[in-house]
């Protein structure tokens, strides 16, 4: 099982702090596609993905069950 922590607007839109995907291993790209195809209906455009507290730049990076995964929306401020 892969657990994904949601932050800011993603958390509010999903109505939960965490999503779970019943897989033991998948790539970052597969994870994003799985969430897009789910009933959660989140806009993942420009969302940053962190695995084990490091931002991911390679969409083919493998995520394994037990990894800490976080989705962070773009932030604006002044």
C-alpha atoms as a PDB file:
ATOM      1  CA  UNK A   1       0.000   0.000   0.000  1.00  0.00           C
ATOM      2  CA  UNK A   2       1.299   3.433  -0.940  1.00  0.00           C
ATOM      3  CA  UNK A   3       0.166   6.383   1.191  1.00  0.00           C
ATOM      4  CA  UNK A   4       0.210   9.897  -0.238  1.00  0.00           C
ATOM      5  CA  UNK A   5       0.062  12.960   2.007  1.00  0.00           C
ATOM      6  CA  UNK A   6      -1.814  15.953   0.592  1.00  0.00           C
ATOM      7  CA  UNK A   7      -1.126  19.569   1.453  1.00  0.00           C
ATOM      8  CA  UNK A   8      -2.870  22.961   1.181  1.00  0.00           C
ATOM      9  CA  UNK A   9      -5.549  23.204  -1.528  1.00  0.00           C
ATOM     10  CA  UNK A  10      -5.178  19.557  -2.512  1.00  0.00           C
ATOM     11  CA  UNK A  11      -6.096  18.507   1.017  1.00  0.00           C
ATOM     12  CA  UNK A  12      -9.085  20.831   1.042  1.00  0.00           C
ATOM     13  CA  UNK A  13     -10.368  19.690  -2.355  1.00  0.00           C
ATOM     14  CA  UNK A  14      -9.952  15.979  -1.545  1.00  0.00           C
ATOM     15  CA  UNK A  15     -11.466  16.386   1.916  1.00  0.00           C
ATOM     16  CA  UNK A  16      -8.704  14.259   3.427  1.00  0.00           C
ATOM     17  CA  UNK A  17      -5.068  14.529   4.461  1.00  0.00           C
ATOM     18  CA  UNK A  18      -4.027  11.249   2.868  1.00  0.00           C
ATOM     19  CA  UNK A  19      -4.792   9.016  -0.101  1.00  0.00           C
ATOM     20  CA  UNK A  20      -3.952   5.330  -0.299  1.00  0.00           C
ATOM     21  CA  UNK A  21      -3.215   3.292  -3.420  1.00  0.00           C
ATOM     22  CA  UNK A  22      -3.321  -0.471  -3.146  1.00  0.00           C
ATOM     23  CA  UNK A  23      -0.007  -1.202  -4.889  1.00  0.00           C
ATOM     24  CA  UNK A  24       3.381  -2.212  -3.582  1.00  0.00           C
ATOM     25  CA  UNK A  25       5.370  -0.385  -6.259  1.00  0.00           C
ATOM     26  CA  UNK A  26       4.770   2.166  -9.014  1.00  0.00           C
ATOM     27  CA  UNK A  27       6.509   5.050 -10.742  1.00  0.00           C
ATOM     28  CA  UNK A  28       5.767   8.685  -9.933  1.00  0.00           C
ATOM     29  CA  UNK A  29       4.101   9.013 -13.342  1.00  0.00           C
ATOM     30  CA  UNK A  30       1.888   5.974 -12.647  1.00  0.00           C
ATOM     31  CA  UNK A  31       0.972   7.431  -9.256  1.00  0.00           C
ATOM     32  CA  UNK A  32      -0.082  10.765 -10.780  1.00  0.00           C
ATOM     33  CA  UNK A  33      -2.115   9.015 -13.499  1.00  0.00           C
ATOM     34  CA  UNK A  34      -3.767   6.767 -10.918  1.00  0.00           C
ATOM     35  CA  UNK A  35      -4.861   9.788  -8.885  1.00  0.00           C
ATOM     36  CA  UNK A  36      -6.091  11.615 -12.014  1.00  0.00           C
ATOM     37  CA  UNK A  37      -8.224   8.595 -12.939  1.00  0.00           C
ATOM     38  CA  UNK A  38      -9.647   8.170  -9.427  1.00  0.00           C
ATOM     39  CA  UNK A  39     -12.829   9.627  -7.986  1.00  0.00           C
ATOM     40  CA  UNK A  40     -10.836  12.226  -6.019  1.00  0.00           C
ATOM     41  CA  UNK A  41     -10.800  14.671  -8.979  1.00  0.00           C
ATOM     42  CA  UNK A  42      -7.669  16.656  -8.124  1.00  0.00           C
ATOM     43  CA  UNK A  43      -5.937  19.037 -10.507  1.00  0.00           C
ATOM     44  CA  UNK A  44      -2.331  17.856 -10.409  1.00  0.00           C
ATOM     45  CA  UNK A  45      -1.030  20.416 -12.900  1.00  0.00           C
ATOM     46  CA  UNK A  46       2.250  21.865 -11.576  1.00  0.00           C
ATOM     47  CA  UNK A  47       2.037  19.774  -8.394  1.00  0.00           C
ATOM     48  CA  UNK A  48       5.401  18.870  -6.905  1.00  0.00           C
ATOM     49  CA  UNK A  49       5.945  15.297  -5.763  1.00  0.00           C
ATOM     50  CA  UNK A  50       8.266  14.471  -2.885  1.00  0.00           C
ATOM     51  CA  UNK A  51       9.386  10.960  -2.021  1.00  0.00           C
ATOM     52  CA  UNK A  52      11.101  10.431   1.306  1.00  0.00           C
ATOM     53  CA  UNK A  53      11.302  14.211   1.787  1.00  0.00           C
ATOM     54  CA  UNK A  54      13.110  14.869  -1.516  1.00  0.00           C
ATOM     55  CA  UNK A  55      11.472  16.469  -4.530  1.00  0.00           C
ATOM     56  CA  UNK A  56      11.271  14.186  -7.543  1.00  0.00           C
ATOM     57  CA  UNK A  57      12.465  15.371 -10.950  1.00  0.00           C
ATOM     58  CA  UNK A  58      12.305  11.992 -12.705  1.00  0.00           C
ATOM     59  CA  UNK A  59       8.734  10.796 -13.405  1.00  0.00           C
ATOM     60  CA  UNK A  60      10.096   7.252 -13.781  1.00  0.00           C
ATOM     61  CA  UNK A  61      11.378   7.151 -10.192  1.00  0.00           C
ATOM     62  CA  UNK A  62       9.981   4.088  -8.428  1.00  0.00           C
ATOM     63  CA  UNK A  63       7.898   4.500  -5.287  1.00  0.00           C
ATOM     64  CA  UNK A  64       7.651   1.498  -2.988  1.00  0.00           C
ATOM     65  CA  UNK A  65       5.239   0.636  -0.232  1.00  0.00           C
ATOM     66  CA  UNK A  66       6.452   2.325   2.945  1.00  0.00           C
ATOM     67  CA  UNK A  67       7.990   5.343   1.184  1.00  0.00           C
ATOM     68  CA  UNK A  68       6.817   8.752   2.375  1.00  0.00           C
ATOM     69  CA  UNK A  69       5.065  10.416  -0.569  1.00  0.00           C
ATOM     70  CA  UNK A  70       3.742  13.983  -0.542  1.00  0.00           C
ATOM     71  CA  UNK A  71       1.910  16.092  -3.124  1.00  0.00           C
ATOM     72  CA  UNK A  72       2.452  19.835  -2.803  1.00  0.00           C
ATOM     73  CA  UNK A  73       0.561  22.333  -4.934  1.00  0.00           C
ATOM     74  CA  UNK A  74       2.234  25.453  -6.281  1.00  0.00           C
ATOM     75  CA  UNK A  75       2.384  28.232  -3.717  1.00  0.00           C
ATOM     76  CA  UNK A  76       2.066  31.934  -4.228  1.00  0.00           C
ATOM     77  CA  UNK A  77       2.845  34.718  -1.886  1.00  0.00           C
ATOM     78  CA  UNK A  78       4.036  38.210  -1.648  1.00  0.00           C
END
